[in-house]
Amino acid sequence: MVGRYVSSAREGCQNPMIPRKDNEPHPIDVYVGGRMRLRRIQLGLSQGALASKIGVSFQAVQKYESGDIRISASRLYDVAQVLQVSPAFFFEGYPDGLVAKNLAQEVAPALSETFDRREIMSLIRGYYGIRDPQLQADILRLIAKLGNREAELQ
């Protein structure tokens, strides 16, 4: 099988080219798509609503979010405008220094596992639906405390 090669995310890596299967999305595309989905959900937008605002089909938005198709710089700018963030938002938290192969294994499953869970989506929508900033902060503290307490019990 002929594979594509991608450069590692860090300079000076001993093996700068890592083979990747033709059907695998690039790890950065997966990461950017995950950030796009996160922000869309935070704002309570459907894929269809975002699609109509940026002039593409909802299927294209699905593929952007999964990393199956790359989003151009101009389209990413349009998405950023609609989602009320800077284009840099989509790259924030990207784990620099990891080899692309490792990133694909570590980041992509975590994103898909987290964002495919309906209760997480519901929690995000509910949280961002709260208009009182103090109540939002209180709920965030409560969730953090409950999460830590459960971790202590295990």
Protein backbone atom coordinates (compact mmCIF):
# COMPACT_ATOMS: atom_id res chain seq x y z
CA MET A 1 0.00 0.00 0.00
CA VAL A 2 1.30 3.41 -0.91
CA GLY A 3 1.21 5.78 2.03
CA ARG A 4 1.46 9.51 2.37
CA TYR A 5 4.19 10.99 4.49
CA VAL A 6 3.80 13.76 6.99
CA SER A 7 6.41 15.79 8.76
CA SER A 8 6.69 15.45 12.47
CA ALA A 9 5.34 18.23 14.63
CA ARG A 10 8.74 18.97 16.14
CA GLU A 11 11.86 20.09 14.40
CA GLY A 12 15.00 18.03 14.66
CA CYS A 13 13.11 14.77 15.09
CA GLN A 14 15.27 11.78 14.19
CA ASN A 15 12.57 10.38 11.88
CA PRO A 16 11.09 13.49 10.24
CA MET A 17 8.80 11.57 7.88
CA ILE A 18 6.18 9.20 9.27
CA PRO A 19 4.11 6.97 6.97
CA ARG A 20 0.38 7.50 7.14
CA LYS A 21 -2.34 5.54 5.36
CA ASP A 22 -4.09 7.32 2.50
CA ASN A 23 -7.49 7.16 4.18
CA GLU A 24 -6.40 8.66 7.52
CA PRO A 25 -7.17 12.31 8.16
CA HIS A 26 -4.24 14.48 9.16
CA PRO A 27 -4.05 14.92 12.95
CA ILE A 28 -4.13 18.71 12.70
CA ASP A 29 -7.29 18.54 10.58
CA VAL A 30 -8.88 16.29 13.22
CA TYR A 31 -7.86 18.69 16.00
CA VAL A 32 -9.12 21.79 14.16
CA GLY A 33 -12.39 19.99 13.37
CA GLY A 34 -12.84 19.06 17.01
CA ARG A 35 -12.33 22.66 18.09
CA MET A 36 -14.81 23.77 15.42
CA ARG A 37 -17.39 21.32 16.73
CA LEU A 38 -16.78 22.37 20.34
CA ARG A 39 -17.37 26.05 19.56
CA ARG A 40 -20.40 25.32 17.38
CA ILE A 41 -21.97 23.36 20.24
CA GLN A 42 -21.07 26.07 22.75
CA LEU A 43 -23.07 28.52 20.65
CA GLY A 44 -25.95 26.08 20.20
CA LEU A 45 -25.64 25.96 16.42
CA SER A 46 -26.56 22.89 14.40
CA GLN A 47 -24.30 21.67 11.62
CA GLY A 48 -26.94 22.81 9.15
CA ALA A 49 -27.10 26.32 10.61
CA LEU A 50 -23.32 26.70 10.48
CA ALA A 51 -23.28 25.29 6.96
CA SER A 52 -25.81 27.81 5.68
CA LYS A 53 -23.89 30.70 7.28
CA ILE A 54 -20.61 29.72 5.60
CA GLY A 55 -22.13 28.61 2.30
CA VAL A 56 -21.48 24.87 2.33
CA SER A 57 -23.58 21.73 2.83
CA PHE A 58 -24.08 20.29 6.29
CA GLN A 59 -22.20 17.22 5.04
CA ALA A 60 -19.16 19.43 4.43
CA VAL A 61 -19.39 20.70 8.02
CA GLN A 62 -19.55 17.06 9.22
CA LYS A 63 -16.41 16.27 7.25
CA TYR A 64 -14.60 19.40 8.47
CA GLU A 65 -15.43 18.43 12.05
CA SER A 66 -14.20 14.87 11.63
CA GLY A 67 -11.07 15.98 9.78
CA ASP A 68 -12.07 13.97 6.72
CA ILE A 69 -11.67 17.03 4.51
CA ARG A 70 -9.35 19.94 5.04
CA ILE A 71 -10.74 23.37 5.59
CA SER A 72 -9.11 26.12 3.54
CA ALA A 73 -7.70 29.22 5.19
CA SER A 74 -10.46 31.42 3.77
CA ARG A 75 -13.19 29.02 4.90
CA LEU A 76 -11.59 28.73 8.36
CA TYR A 77 -11.68 32.52 8.56
CA ASP A 78 -15.40 32.49 7.64
CA VAL A 79 -16.07 29.81 10.27
CA ALA A 80 -14.17 31.84 12.87
CA GLN A 81 -16.32 34.89 12.09
CA VAL A 82 -19.56 32.94 12.42
CA LEU A 83 -18.40 31.21 15.62
CA GLN A 84 -17.18 34.55 17.04
CA VAL A 85 -13.58 33.48 17.62
CA SER A 86 -10.23 34.24 16.04
CA PRO A 87 -8.81 31.70 13.58
CA ALA A 88 -6.12 30.97 16.19
CA PHE A 89 -8.84 29.48 18.44
CA PHE A 90 -8.89 26.36 16.29
CA PHE A 91 -5.23 25.67 17.06
CA GLU A 92 -5.22 26.59 20.76
CA GLY A 93 -4.05 23.73 22.93
CA TYR A 94 -2.61 21.80 20.00
CA PRO A 95 0.03 19.56 21.56
CA ASP A 96 3.14 20.92 19.86
CA GLY A 97 6.16 18.67 19.87
CA LEU A 98 4.31 15.39 19.37
CA VAL A 99 4.99 13.32 16.32
CA ALA A 100 2.00 13.35 13.98
CA LYS A 101 1.53 9.58 14.28
CA ASN A 102 1.33 9.75 18.07
CA LEU A 103 -1.02 12.70 17.86
CA ALA A 104 -3.39 10.80 15.59
CA GLN A 105 -3.53 7.95 18.08
CA GLU A 106 -3.85 10.11 21.19
CA VAL A 107 -5.94 13.12 20.16
CA ALA A 108 -8.34 11.76 17.55
CA PRO A 109 -9.86 8.99 19.70
CA ALA A 110 -10.18 11.31 22.67
CA LEU A 111 -12.02 13.90 20.59
CA SER A 112 -14.38 11.45 18.96
CA GLU A 113 -15.09 9.61 22.23
CA THR A 114 -15.84 12.85 24.06
CA PHE A 115 -17.85 14.59 21.38
CA ASP A 116 -19.96 11.58 20.42
CA ARG A 117 -21.43 11.26 23.90
CA ARG A 118 -24.87 12.87 23.99
CA GLU A 119 -24.73 13.67 27.70
CA ILE A 120 -21.59 15.76 27.15
CA MET A 121 -23.35 17.68 24.38
CA SER A 122 -26.35 18.27 26.59
CA LEU A 123 -24.13 19.45 29.44
CA ILE A 124 -22.29 21.91 27.20
CA ARG A 125 -25.53 23.30 25.76
CA GLY A 126 -27.06 23.64 29.21
CA TYR A 127 -23.99 25.31 30.67
CA TYR A 128 -23.77 27.90 27.91
CA GLY A 129 -27.52 28.47 28.14
CA ILE A 130 -27.08 29.86 31.67
CA ARG A 131 -27.10 33.65 31.40
CA ASP A 132 -26.03 34.42 34.97
CA PRO A 133 -22.19 34.45 35.10
CA GLN A 134 -22.14 33.81 38.85
CA LEU A 135 -24.42 30.78 38.51
CA GLN A 136 -22.24 29.51 35.66
CA ALA A 137 -19.16 29.81 37.88
CA ASP A 138 -20.93 28.07 40.77
CA ILE A 139 -21.98 25.16 38.56
CA LEU A 140 -18.47 24.84 37.17
CA ARG A 141 -17.05 24.69 40.71
CA LEU A 142 -19.68 22.10 41.69
CA ILE A 143 -18.83 19.87 38.72
CA ALA A 144 -15.11 20.19 39.47
CA LYS A 145 -15.67 19.24 43.12
CA LEU A 146 -17.90 16.28 42.25
CA GLY A 147 -15.40 15.08 39.65
CA ASN A 148 -12.53 15.24 42.14
CA ARG A 149 -14.57 13.55 44.84
CA GLU A 150 -15.42 10.67 42.50
CA ALA A 151 -11.75 10.35 41.53
CA GLU A 152 -10.83 10.11 45.22
CA LEU A 153 -13.38 7.33 45.80
CA GLN A 154 -12.02 5.14 42.98
